[in-house]
Amino acid sequence: MAAIRLIVGLGNPGPRYELTRHNVGANFVGYLARRFALSLSPDSKFKGLVSRGDLCGFDVRLLLPTTYMNDSGESVAPMSRFFKIEPEEILVAHDEMAFEPGLLRLKPGGGDNGHNGLRSIIACLGGQRGFHRLRIGVGHPGDREQVTPYLTSHTMPKQERTAVEQAWEFPDELLRAVISGDMASAMNALHGPGED
C-alpha cells in the first residue's frame, strides 16, 4: 500500500482550454494547490507547473503538465524518474466521459480507455500502467463525431462545472485515505459499498 507522492492534473495549456471539459483534471490539481496554500511554479525540466507541500500530513508533489494533453507523458515521466517516484505512487486526475458531471471514481491501474493523456503517460513510463486514476465525470455528447469539440472547444456549462467542483471537495479523511494509499477505504467512501 504505497502512499501517493505525485498528483498530476491533465489538461491543455492556455486560457482557451481552461474551462473546457478536457481540463477538469488540471482544475482539480489547481483546487488542491489553493486548498493547501501551495504555489504552482513553472519548471522547464518537467514541462509543467510544479509544487510540493504537506497534504493531510503527507509530502506530496503536484504537477500540471504544460504540454498538450496528448503529450502528458513527456511531463510526468521525467518527474517520476528524477524523484524516483514509482507508478503506484502517482495519482492522475483526468476527464471521464463514461460518467455524468459530479461523479468521481478512483481506479488503481488499468489501460488508457481511449484517453490520449493516459496513453501518453503509459508510453512514456515504458508501458507501466500501475498509476492510480481519479476519473472525473464530464458526460458524453451522445455522438462520437462530437467528442473532440465537446471536450476541447466548448466551455463547460456553469451548472456542470459546479457539480464537478463540489464533488472533488473531499473531506480531509477521504483525501488522507487516497494519499496514504488506502484505496480500498477511499473507494468505499467515494463510490459507496459494492461499487468499483
N, C-alpha and C. Protein backbone atom coordinates (compact mmCIF):
# COMPACT_ATOMS: atom_id res chain seq x y z
N MET A 1 0.85 -1.20 0.00
CA MET A 1 0.00 0.00 0.00
C MET A 1 0.88 1.25 0.00
N ALA A 2 1.31 1.65 -1.21
CA ALA A 2 2.21 2.79 -1.34
C ALA A 2 1.44 4.10 -1.24
N ALA A 3 2.02 5.05 -0.51
CA ALA A 3 1.42 6.38 -0.40
C ALA A 3 1.60 7.13 -1.72
N ILE A 4 0.69 8.03 -2.01
CA ILE A 4 0.77 8.86 -3.21
C ILE A 4 1.79 9.97 -2.97
N ARG A 5 2.76 10.06 -3.87
CA ARG A 5 3.80 11.10 -3.77
C ARG A 5 3.67 12.16 -4.86
N LEU A 6 2.89 11.87 -5.89
CA LEU A 6 2.74 12.80 -7.01
C LEU A 6 1.29 12.77 -7.48
N ILE A 7 0.67 13.96 -7.56
CA ILE A 7 -0.68 14.10 -8.10
C ILE A 7 -0.58 14.94 -9.36
N VAL A 8 -1.07 14.40 -10.45
CA VAL A 8 -0.98 15.03 -11.77
C VAL A 8 -2.38 15.40 -12.24
N GLY A 9 -2.53 16.59 -12.77
CA GLY A 9 -3.81 17.02 -13.33
C GLY A 9 -3.69 17.23 -14.83
N LEU A 10 -4.45 16.48 -15.62
CA LEU A 10 -4.32 16.55 -17.07
C LEU A 10 -5.22 17.63 -17.67
N GLY A 11 -4.71 18.25 -18.74
CA GLY A 11 -5.46 19.27 -19.46
C GLY A 11 -4.62 19.80 -20.60
N ASN A 12 -5.13 20.81 -21.26
CA ASN A 12 -4.39 21.51 -22.32
C ASN A 12 -3.99 22.88 -21.80
N PRO A 13 -2.85 23.41 -22.25
CA PRO A 13 -2.37 24.68 -21.71
C PRO A 13 -3.08 25.89 -22.33
N GLY A 14 -3.09 26.99 -21.58
CA GLY A 14 -3.58 28.25 -22.11
C GLY A 14 -5.03 28.54 -21.77
N PRO A 15 -5.40 29.82 -21.77
CA PRO A 15 -6.74 30.24 -21.38
C PRO A 15 -7.85 29.70 -22.28
N ARG A 16 -7.53 29.39 -23.53
CA ARG A 16 -8.53 28.88 -24.46
C ARG A 16 -9.18 27.60 -23.94
N TYR A 17 -8.41 26.78 -23.23
CA TYR A 17 -8.89 25.47 -22.79
C TYR A 17 -9.28 25.42 -21.31
N GLU A 18 -9.01 26.48 -20.59
CA GLU A 18 -9.08 26.45 -19.13
C GLU A 18 -10.42 25.93 -18.60
N LEU A 19 -11.52 26.34 -19.20
CA LEU A 19 -12.84 25.96 -18.68
C LEU A 19 -13.52 24.88 -19.52
N THR A 20 -12.73 24.16 -20.33
CA THR A 20 -13.30 23.07 -21.11
C THR A 20 -13.35 21.79 -20.27
N ARG A 21 -14.12 20.85 -20.73
CA ARG A 21 -14.27 19.57 -20.01
C ARG A 21 -12.96 18.80 -19.95
N HIS A 22 -12.13 18.94 -20.99
CA HIS A 22 -10.87 18.18 -21.04
C HIS A 22 -9.91 18.63 -19.94
N ASN A 23 -10.17 19.77 -19.32
CA ASN A 23 -9.24 20.33 -18.34
C ASN A 23 -9.66 20.14 -16.89
N VAL A 24 -10.67 19.31 -16.64
CA VAL A 24 -11.11 19.16 -15.25
C VAL A 24 -10.02 18.55 -14.37
N GLY A 25 -9.17 17.68 -14.92
CA GLY A 25 -8.07 17.12 -14.12
C GLY A 25 -7.10 18.19 -13.68
N ALA A 26 -6.73 19.07 -14.61
CA ALA A 26 -5.84 20.19 -14.27
C ALA A 26 -6.51 21.11 -13.26
N ASN A 27 -7.81 21.33 -13.42
CA ASN A 27 -8.52 22.21 -12.48
C ASN A 27 -8.58 21.61 -11.08
N PHE A 28 -8.66 20.28 -11.00
CA PHE A 28 -8.65 19.62 -9.69
C PHE A 28 -7.33 19.87 -8.97
N VAL A 29 -6.22 19.74 -9.68
CA VAL A 29 -4.92 19.98 -9.05
C VAL A 29 -4.77 21.45 -8.67
N GLY A 30 -5.30 22.35 -9.50
CA GLY A 30 -5.32 23.76 -9.14
C GLY A 30 -6.10 24.00 -7.85
N TYR A 31 -7.22 23.29 -7.70
CA TYR A 31 -8.01 23.37 -6.47
C TYR A 31 -7.20 22.87 -5.26
N LEU A 32 -6.49 21.75 -5.42
CA LEU A 32 -5.67 21.25 -4.31
C LEU A 32 -4.61 22.27 -3.91
N ALA A 33 -3.99 22.89 -4.90
CA ALA A 33 -2.96 23.90 -4.60
C ALA A 33 -3.56 25.05 -3.78
N ARG A 34 -4.74 25.50 -4.17
CA ARG A 34 -5.40 26.58 -3.41
C ARG A 34 -5.80 26.11 -2.02
N ARG A 35 -6.35 24.92 -1.92
CA ARG A 35 -6.81 24.38 -0.63
C ARG A 35 -5.68 24.29 0.38
N PHE A 36 -4.49 23.91 -0.10
CA PHE A 36 -3.37 23.73 0.81
C PHE A 36 -2.34 24.86 0.71
N ALA A 37 -2.77 25.99 0.10
CA ALA A 37 -1.94 27.21 0.02
C ALA A 37 -0.56 26.92 -0.58
N LEU A 38 -0.56 26.19 -1.71
CA LEU A 38 0.69 25.87 -2.41
C LEU A 38 0.75 26.67 -3.71
N SER A 39 1.94 27.12 -4.06
CA SER A 39 2.13 27.86 -5.31
C SER A 39 2.65 26.93 -6.39
N LEU A 40 2.00 26.96 -7.53
CA LEU A 40 2.45 26.18 -8.68
C LEU A 40 3.38 27.05 -9.51
N SER A 41 4.61 26.58 -9.73
CA SER A 41 5.62 27.36 -10.44
C SER A 41 6.11 26.61 -11.67
N PRO A 42 6.43 27.34 -12.77
CA PRO A 42 6.92 26.68 -13.97
C PRO A 42 8.27 26.01 -13.74
N ASP A 43 8.43 24.81 -14.30
CA ASP A 43 9.70 24.10 -14.25
C ASP A 43 9.92 23.48 -15.62
N SER A 44 10.84 24.05 -16.40
CA SER A 44 11.05 23.61 -17.78
C SER A 44 11.57 22.17 -17.85
N LYS A 45 12.28 21.76 -16.79
CA LYS A 45 12.84 20.39 -16.77
C LYS A 45 11.72 19.35 -16.84
N PHE A 46 10.57 19.69 -16.25
CA PHE A 46 9.45 18.75 -16.20
C PHE A 46 8.29 19.17 -17.11
N LYS A 47 8.50 20.21 -17.92
CA LYS A 47 7.46 20.69 -18.84
C LYS A 47 6.13 20.86 -18.12
N GLY A 48 6.17 21.57 -17.00
CA GLY A 48 4.93 21.74 -16.27
C GLY A 48 5.02 22.76 -15.15
N LEU A 49 3.89 22.95 -14.49
CA LEU A 49 3.82 23.75 -13.28
C LEU A 49 3.89 22.78 -12.11
N VAL A 50 4.77 23.06 -11.15
CA VAL A 50 5.01 22.10 -10.08
C VAL A 50 4.90 22.77 -8.71
N SER A 51 4.61 21.95 -7.73
CA SER A 51 4.59 22.41 -6.34
C SER A 51 4.84 21.20 -5.45
N ARG A 52 5.17 21.49 -4.20
CA ARG A 52 5.39 20.43 -3.22
C ARG A 52 4.94 20.94 -1.87
N GLY A 53 4.26 20.10 -1.11
CA GLY A 53 3.82 20.54 0.20
C GLY A 53 3.17 19.43 0.99
N ASP A 54 2.67 19.80 2.15
CA ASP A 54 2.03 18.87 3.07
C ASP A 54 0.54 18.80 2.74
N LEU A 55 0.10 17.63 2.32
CA LEU A 55 -1.31 17.38 2.08
C LEU A 55 -1.77 16.34 3.08
N CYS A 56 -2.53 16.78 4.08
CA CYS A 56 -3.08 15.87 5.09
C CYS A 56 -1.99 15.05 5.77
N GLY A 57 -0.82 15.68 6.00
CA GLY A 57 0.26 15.01 6.71
C GLY A 57 1.21 14.22 5.83
N PHE A 58 1.06 14.33 4.51
CA PHE A 58 1.93 13.61 3.58
C PHE A 58 2.67 14.60 2.68
N ASP A 59 3.92 14.27 2.38
CA ASP A 59 4.74 15.09 1.49
C ASP A 59 4.38 14.72 0.05
N VAL A 60 3.73 15.64 -0.64
CA VAL A 60 3.19 15.34 -1.98
C VAL A 60 3.63 16.42 -2.97
N ARG A 61 3.96 15.99 -4.17
CA ARG A 61 4.23 16.92 -5.27
C ARG A 61 2.99 17.03 -6.16
N LEU A 62 2.75 18.21 -6.67
CA LEU A 62 1.68 18.45 -7.63
C LEU A 62 2.31 18.78 -8.97
N LEU A 63 1.67 18.33 -10.05
CA LEU A 63 2.18 18.59 -11.39
C LEU A 63 1.03 18.89 -12.34
N LEU A 64 1.15 20.02 -13.03
CA LEU A 64 0.25 20.37 -14.13
C LEU A 64 1.09 20.40 -15.40
N PRO A 65 1.04 19.38 -16.23
CA PRO A 65 1.81 19.43 -17.47
C PRO A 65 1.42 20.64 -18.31
N THR A 66 2.41 21.30 -18.89
CA THR A 66 2.12 22.42 -19.79
C THR A 66 2.27 21.98 -21.25
N THR A 67 2.42 20.68 -21.45
CA THR A 67 2.34 20.10 -22.79
C THR A 67 0.86 20.04 -23.17
N TYR A 68 0.59 19.71 -24.42
CA TYR A 68 -0.79 19.38 -24.76
C TYR A 68 -1.11 18.01 -24.20
N MET A 69 -2.41 17.76 -24.03
CA MET A 69 -2.89 16.52 -23.42
C MET A 69 -2.21 15.28 -24.00
N ASN A 70 -2.11 15.23 -25.34
CA ASN A 70 -1.58 14.04 -26.00
C ASN A 70 -0.11 13.77 -25.69
N ASP A 71 0.58 14.76 -25.08
CA ASP A 71 2.00 14.61 -24.74
C ASP A 71 2.24 14.65 -23.23
N SER A 72 1.21 14.38 -22.45
CA SER A 72 1.31 14.49 -20.98
C SER A 72 2.46 13.67 -20.41
N GLY A 73 2.74 12.53 -21.01
CA GLY A 73 3.80 11.66 -20.50
C GLY A 73 5.17 12.31 -20.54
N GLU A 74 5.36 13.28 -21.46
CA GLU A 74 6.65 13.98 -21.56
C GLU A 74 6.90 14.86 -20.33
N SER A 75 5.87 15.11 -19.56
CA SER A 75 5.99 15.85 -18.31
C SER A 75 6.05 14.90 -17.11
N VAL A 76 5.15 13.92 -17.11
CA VAL A 76 5.02 13.01 -15.96
C VAL A 76 6.25 12.11 -15.81
N ALA A 77 6.70 11.50 -16.92
CA ALA A 77 7.80 10.52 -16.83
C ALA A 77 9.10 11.14 -16.32
N PRO A 78 9.54 12.32 -16.82
CA PRO A 78 10.78 12.89 -16.28
C PRO A 78 10.70 13.19 -14.78
N MET A 79 9.55 13.65 -14.31
CA MET A 79 9.41 13.93 -12.88
C MET A 79 9.45 12.64 -12.08
N SER A 80 8.78 11.63 -12.58
CA SER A 80 8.77 10.32 -11.93
C SER A 80 10.18 9.76 -11.82
N ARG A 81 10.94 9.85 -12.89
CA ARG A 81 12.31 9.32 -12.88
C ARG A 81 13.22 10.13 -11.98
N PHE A 82 13.12 11.46 -12.07
CA PHE A 82 14.03 12.33 -11.32
C PHE A 82 13.88 12.13 -9.81
N PHE A 83 12.65 12.03 -9.35
CA PHE A 83 12.40 11.90 -7.91
C PHE A 83 12.20 10.45 -7.48
N LYS A 84 12.45 9.50 -8.42
CA LYS A 84 12.30 8.07 -8.12
C LYS A 84 10.92 7.75 -7.54
N ILE A 85 9.90 8.25 -8.24
CA ILE A 85 8.51 8.01 -7.86
C ILE A 85 7.98 6.86 -8.71
N GLU A 86 7.57 5.80 -8.05
CA GLU A 86 7.05 4.63 -8.76
C GLU A 86 5.65 4.91 -9.31
N PRO A 87 5.24 4.23 -10.39
CA PRO A 87 3.89 4.44 -10.92
C PRO A 87 2.80 4.29 -9.85
N GLU A 88 2.97 3.33 -8.93
CA GLU A 88 1.96 3.10 -7.88
C GLU A 88 1.88 4.26 -6.88
N GLU A 89 2.84 5.20 -6.97
CA GLU A 89 2.85 6.36 -6.08
C GLU A 89 2.32 7.62 -6.79
N ILE A 90 1.71 7.42 -7.97
CA ILE A 90 1.20 8.53 -8.78
C ILE A 90 -0.32 8.44 -8.88
N LEU A 91 -0.98 9.59 -8.71
CA LEU A 91 -2.41 9.70 -8.95
C LEU A 91 -2.60 10.70 -10.10
N VAL A 92 -3.29 10.26 -11.15
CA VAL A 92 -3.55 11.12 -12.31
C VAL A 92 -5.04 11.46 -12.35
N ALA A 93 -5.35 12.74 -12.30
CA ALA A 93 -6.74 13.20 -12.39
C ALA A 93 -7.05 13.56 -13.84
N HIS A 94 -8.16 13.04 -14.37
CA HIS A 94 -8.49 13.29 -15.77
C HIS A 94 -10.00 13.24 -16.00
N ASP A 95 -10.42 13.77 -17.13
CA ASP A 95 -11.83 13.78 -17.53
C ASP A 95 -12.26 12.37 -17.94
N GLU A 96 -13.53 12.07 -17.67
CA GLU A 96 -14.07 10.74 -17.97
C GLU A 96 -15.49 10.89 -18.53
N MET A 97 -15.66 10.55 -19.82
CA MET A 97 -16.97 10.71 -20.46
C MET A 97 -17.97 9.64 -20.05
N ALA A 98 -17.50 8.55 -19.45
CA ALA A 98 -18.42 7.47 -19.07
C ALA A 98 -19.31 7.86 -17.89
N PHE A 99 -18.96 8.93 -17.18
CA PHE A 99 -19.71 9.35 -16.00
C PHE A 99 -20.29 10.75 -16.19
N GLU A 100 -21.42 10.99 -15.57
CA GLU A 100 -22.04 12.31 -15.60
C GLU A 100 -21.24 13.29 -14.75
N PRO A 101 -21.34 14.59 -15.03
CA PRO A 101 -20.65 15.59 -14.20
C PRO A 101 -21.07 15.47 -12.74
N GLY A 102 -20.09 15.52 -11.85
CA GLY A 102 -20.35 15.39 -10.42
C GLY A 102 -20.09 13.99 -9.90
N LEU A 103 -19.81 13.05 -10.82
CA LEU A 103 -19.49 11.68 -10.40
C LEU A 103 -17.99 11.47 -10.54
N LEU A 104 -17.35 11.04 -9.46
CA LEU A 104 -15.91 10.80 -9.44
C LEU A 104 -15.67 9.34 -9.07
N ARG A 105 -14.66 8.75 -9.70
CA ARG A 105 -14.31 7.37 -9.40
C ARG A 105 -12.80 7.20 -9.35
N LEU A 106 -12.32 6.48 -8.37
CA LEU A 106 -10.91 6.11 -8.28
C LEU A 106 -10.70 4.79 -9.00
N LYS A 107 -9.55 4.67 -9.65
CA LYS A 107 -9.23 3.41 -10.31
C LYS A 107 -7.75 3.14 -10.16
N PRO A 108 -7.38 2.00 -9.56
CA PRO A 108 -5.96 1.64 -9.47
C PRO A 108 -5.51 0.92 -10.72
N GLY A 109 -4.62 1.52 -11.49
CA GLY A 109 -4.07 0.88 -12.67
C GLY A 109 -5.07 0.73 -13.79
N GLY A 110 -4.65 0.02 -14.85
CA GLY A 110 -5.52 -0.24 -15.98
C GLY A 110 -4.97 0.33 -17.27
N GLY A 111 -5.76 0.23 -18.33
CA GLY A 111 -5.35 0.73 -19.64
C GLY A 111 -5.65 2.21 -19.80
N ASP A 112 -5.59 2.67 -21.06
CA ASP A 112 -5.84 4.10 -21.29
C ASP A 112 -7.30 4.39 -21.60
N ASN A 113 -8.10 3.36 -21.90
CA ASN A 113 -9.53 3.51 -22.15
C ASN A 113 -9.81 4.58 -23.21
N GLY A 114 -8.91 4.70 -24.19
CA GLY A 114 -9.10 5.67 -25.26
C GLY A 114 -8.72 7.10 -24.90
N HIS A 115 -8.18 7.31 -23.72
CA HIS A 115 -7.80 8.66 -23.29
C HIS A 115 -6.35 8.94 -23.70
N ASN A 116 -6.16 9.96 -24.54
CA ASN A 116 -4.83 10.22 -25.09
C ASN A 116 -3.81 10.64 -24.04
N GLY A 117 -4.24 11.34 -23.01
CA GLY A 117 -3.32 11.73 -21.95
C GLY A 117 -2.79 10.51 -21.21
N LEU A 118 -3.68 9.58 -20.88
CA LEU A 118 -3.26 8.34 -20.21
C LEU A 118 -2.38 7.51 -21.12
N ARG A 119 -2.73 7.46 -22.41
CA ARG A 119 -1.94 6.70 -23.37
C ARG A 119 -0.50 7.21 -23.40
N SER A 120 -0.34 8.53 -23.41
CA SER A 120 0.99 9.14 -23.44
C SER A 120 1.77 8.81 -22.17
N ILE A 121 1.11 8.87 -21.03
CA ILE A 121 1.79 8.58 -19.76
C ILE A 121 2.26 7.13 -19.72
N ILE A 122 1.37 6.22 -20.12
CA ILE A 122 1.74 4.79 -20.13
C ILE A 122 2.94 4.57 -21.05
N ALA A 123 2.91 5.17 -22.23
CA ALA A 123 4.01 5.00 -23.19
C ALA A 123 5.31 5.55 -22.63
N CYS A 124 5.27 6.73 -22.03
CA CYS A 124 6.49 7.37 -21.52
C CYS A 124 7.00 6.72 -20.24
N LEU A 125 6.14 5.97 -19.56
CA LEU A 125 6.58 5.20 -18.38
C LEU A 125 7.03 3.79 -18.79
N GLY A 126 7.26 3.61 -20.08
CA GLY A 126 7.74 2.31 -20.56
C GLY A 126 6.70 1.22 -20.51
N GLY A 127 5.43 1.60 -20.67
CA GLY A 127 4.35 0.62 -20.68
C GLY A 127 3.79 0.30 -19.30
N GLN A 128 4.31 0.94 -18.26
CA GLN A 128 3.80 0.68 -16.90
C GLN A 128 2.45 1.38 -16.72
N ARG A 129 1.49 0.63 -16.20
CA ARG A 129 0.10 1.11 -16.10
C ARG A 129 -0.38 1.21 -14.65
N GLY A 130 0.53 1.01 -13.70
CA GLY A 130 0.11 0.85 -12.31
C GLY A 130 -0.25 2.12 -11.57
N PHE A 131 -0.21 3.28 -12.23
CA PHE A 131 -0.57 4.51 -11.53
C PHE A 131 -2.09 4.55 -11.30
N HIS A 132 -2.49 5.30 -10.28
CA HIS A 132 -3.90 5.42 -9.93
C HIS A 132 -4.53 6.55 -10.75
N ARG A 133 -5.84 6.45 -10.94
CA ARG A 133 -6.55 7.48 -11.69
C ARG A 133 -7.72 8.01 -10.86
N LEU A 134 -7.93 9.31 -10.91
CA LEU A 134 -9.15 9.91 -10.41
C LEU A 134 -9.93 10.32 -11.65
N ARG A 135 -10.99 9.57 -11.93
CA ARG A 135 -11.79 9.78 -13.14
C ARG A 135 -12.91 10.76 -12.81
N ILE A 136 -12.89 11.91 -13.46
CA ILE A 136 -13.82 12.99 -13.16
C ILE A 136 -14.86 13.06 -14.28
N GLY A 137 -16.11 12.74 -13.94
CA GLY A 137 -17.16 12.69 -14.94
C GLY A 137 -17.42 14.02 -15.63
N VAL A 138 -17.54 13.98 -16.95
CA VAL A 138 -17.89 15.18 -17.72
C VAL A 138 -19.07 14.90 -18.67
N GLY A 139 -19.62 13.68 -18.66
CA GLY A 139 -20.72 13.35 -19.55
C GLY A 139 -20.24 13.10 -20.98
N HIS A 140 -21.19 12.71 -21.82
CA HIS A 140 -20.89 12.37 -23.22
C HIS A 140 -21.84 13.16 -24.12
N PRO A 141 -21.35 13.64 -25.27
CA PRO A 141 -22.23 14.41 -26.15
C PRO A 141 -23.30 13.59 -26.84
N GLY A 142 -23.19 12.24 -26.79
CA GLY A 142 -24.19 11.39 -27.41
C GLY A 142 -23.88 11.04 -28.86
N ASP A 143 -22.86 11.67 -29.42
CA ASP A 143 -22.47 11.43 -30.81
C ASP A 143 -20.95 11.39 -30.86
N ARG A 144 -20.39 10.27 -31.34
CA ARG A 144 -18.92 10.14 -31.36
C ARG A 144 -18.26 11.24 -32.18
N GLU A 145 -18.95 11.72 -33.21
CA GLU A 145 -18.37 12.76 -34.06
C GLU A 145 -18.21 14.08 -33.31
N GLN A 146 -18.95 14.23 -32.22
CA GLN A 146 -18.92 15.49 -31.47
C GLN A 146 -17.97 15.47 -30.28
N VAL A 147 -17.29 14.34 -30.06
CA VAL A 147 -16.47 14.18 -28.85
C VAL A 147 -15.38 15.25 -28.74
N THR A 148 -14.62 15.46 -29.82
CA THR A 148 -13.50 16.41 -29.73
C THR A 148 -13.96 17.83 -29.41
N PRO A 149 -14.93 18.39 -30.15
CA PRO A 149 -15.38 19.74 -29.76
C PRO A 149 -16.02 19.78 -28.38
N TYR A 150 -16.73 18.71 -28.02
CA TYR A 150 -17.37 18.64 -26.70
C TYR A 150 -16.34 18.76 -25.59
N LEU A 151 -15.20 18.09 -25.77
CA LEU A 151 -14.16 18.10 -24.74
C LEU A 151 -13.27 19.34 -24.77
N THR A 152 -12.94 19.81 -25.99
CA THR A 152 -11.87 20.81 -26.09
C THR A 152 -12.30 22.19 -26.57
N SER A 153 -13.48 22.32 -27.16
CA SER A 153 -13.87 23.61 -27.73
C SER A 153 -14.98 24.31 -26.95
N HIS A 154 -15.83 23.54 -26.31
CA HIS A 154 -16.98 24.13 -25.62
C HIS A 154 -16.66 24.36 -24.14
N THR A 155 -16.97 25.56 -23.67
CA THR A 155 -16.84 25.83 -22.24
C THR A 155 -17.84 24.97 -21.48
N MET A 156 -17.39 24.39 -20.40
CA MET A 156 -18.26 23.55 -19.58
C MET A 156 -19.34 24.44 -18.96
N PRO A 157 -20.62 24.09 -19.12
CA PRO A 157 -21.68 24.91 -18.53
C PRO A 157 -21.50 25.07 -17.02
N LYS A 158 -21.92 26.22 -16.53
CA LYS A 158 -21.68 26.54 -15.11
C LYS A 158 -22.28 25.49 -14.18
N GLN A 159 -23.46 25.01 -14.49
CA GLN A 159 -24.13 24.02 -13.62
C GLN A 159 -23.30 22.74 -13.53
N GLU A 160 -22.77 22.29 -14.66
CA GLU A 160 -21.93 21.09 -14.67
C GLU A 160 -20.62 21.33 -13.93
N ARG A 161 -20.03 22.51 -14.16
CA ARG A 161 -18.76 22.83 -13.50
C ARG A 161 -18.95 22.87 -11.99
N THR A 162 -20.06 23.43 -11.54
CA THR A 162 -20.35 23.49 -10.10
C THR A 162 -20.48 22.08 -9.52
N ALA A 163 -21.16 21.19 -10.24
CA ALA A 163 -21.34 19.81 -9.77
C ALA A 163 -19.99 19.12 -9.61
N VAL A 164 -19.10 19.34 -10.59
CA VAL A 164 -17.77 18.72 -10.54
C VAL A 164 -16.97 19.28 -9.38
N GLU A 165 -16.98 20.61 -9.22
CA GLU A 165 -16.18 21.24 -8.17
C GLU A 165 -16.67 20.83 -6.78
N GLN A 166 -17.97 20.70 -6.61
CA GLN A 166 -18.49 20.26 -5.31
C GLN A 166 -18.10 18.81 -5.04
N ALA A 167 -18.05 18.00 -6.09
CA ALA A 167 -17.72 16.57 -5.92
C ALA A 167 -16.29 16.37 -5.45
N TRP A 168 -15.37 17.23 -5.88
CA TRP A 168 -13.97 16.98 -5.52
C TRP A 168 -13.55 17.70 -4.23
N GLU A 169 -14.47 18.35 -3.58
CA GLU A 169 -14.15 18.96 -2.28
C GLU A 169 -14.25 17.90 -1.19
N PHE A 170 -13.33 16.92 -1.26
CA PHE A 170 -13.36 15.80 -0.34
C PHE A 170 -13.12 16.26 1.09
N PRO A 171 -13.77 15.60 2.06
CA PRO A 171 -13.36 15.81 3.45
C PRO A 171 -11.93 15.33 3.65
N ASP A 172 -11.27 15.87 4.66
CA ASP A 172 -9.86 15.52 4.90
C ASP A 172 -9.66 14.01 5.06
N GLU A 173 -10.62 13.33 5.70
CA GLU A 173 -10.45 11.89 5.95
C GLU A 173 -10.37 11.12 4.63
N LEU A 174 -11.21 11.49 3.67
CA LEU A 174 -11.20 10.80 2.38
C LEU A 174 -9.94 11.12 1.61
N LEU A 175 -9.54 12.38 1.61
CA LEU A 175 -8.32 12.76 0.91
C LEU A 175 -7.11 12.08 1.54
N ARG A 176 -7.10 11.98 2.87
CA ARG A 176 -6.00 11.31 3.57
C ARG A 176 -5.95 9.82 3.19
N ALA A 177 -7.10 9.19 3.06
CA ALA A 177 -7.13 7.78 2.66
C ALA A 177 -6.54 7.60 1.26
N VAL A 178 -6.90 8.51 0.34
CA VAL A 178 -6.36 8.44 -1.02
C VAL A 178 -4.85 8.59 -0.99
N ILE A 179 -4.37 9.65 -0.33
CA ILE A 179 -2.93 9.95 -0.35
C ILE A 179 -2.12 8.90 0.39
N SER A 180 -2.70 8.32 1.44
CA SER A 180 -1.98 7.30 2.20
C SER A 180 -1.86 5.99 1.43
N GLY A 181 -2.62 5.89 0.34
CA GLY A 181 -2.60 4.66 -0.45
C GLY A 181 -3.65 3.64 -0.04
N ASP A 182 -4.53 4.03 0.90
CA ASP A 182 -5.60 3.13 1.33
C ASP A 182 -6.76 3.25 0.35
N MET A 183 -6.53 2.77 -0.88
CA MET A 183 -7.51 2.96 -1.94
C MET A 183 -8.81 2.19 -1.68
N ALA A 184 -8.74 1.07 -0.99
CA ALA A 184 -9.97 0.31 -0.71
C ALA A 184 -10.92 1.15 0.14
N SER A 185 -10.40 1.77 1.20
CA SER A 185 -11.25 2.63 2.04
C SER A 185 -11.73 3.85 1.28
N ALA A 186 -10.81 4.44 0.49
CA ALA A 186 -11.17 5.65 -0.26
C ALA A 186 -12.25 5.34 -1.29
N MET A 187 -12.10 4.21 -1.99
CA MET A 187 -13.10 3.84 -3.00
C MET A 187 -14.43 3.51 -2.35
N ASN A 188 -14.40 2.88 -1.20
CA ASN A 188 -15.65 2.56 -0.50
C ASN A 188 -16.38 3.84 -0.08
N ALA A 189 -15.59 4.84 0.39
CA ALA A 189 -16.20 6.10 0.82
C ALA A 189 -16.69 6.92 -0.38
N LEU A 190 -15.94 6.90 -1.46
CA LEU A 190 -16.28 7.73 -2.63
C LEU A 190 -17.36 7.08 -3.49
N HIS A 191 -17.26 5.76 -3.70
CA HIS A 191 -18.17 5.08 -4.63
C HIS A 191 -19.40 4.54 -3.95
N GLY A 192 -19.27 4.23 -2.64
CA GLY A 192 -20.35 3.51 -1.96
C GLY A 192 -20.04 2.02 -1.97
N PRO A 193 -20.58 1.27 -1.01
CA PRO A 193 -20.29 -0.16 -0.89
C PRO A 193 -20.67 -0.92 -2.16
N GLY A 194 -19.78 -1.84 -2.56
CA GLY A 194 -20.07 -2.73 -3.68
C GLY A 194 -19.79 -2.16 -5.05
N GLU A 195 -19.41 -0.90 -5.13
CA GLU A 195 -19.08 -0.32 -6.44
C GLU A 195 -17.58 -0.36 -6.67
N ASP A 196 -17.18 -0.46 -7.95
CA ASP A 196 -15.75 -0.42 -8.24
C ASP A 196 -15.41 0.82 -9.02
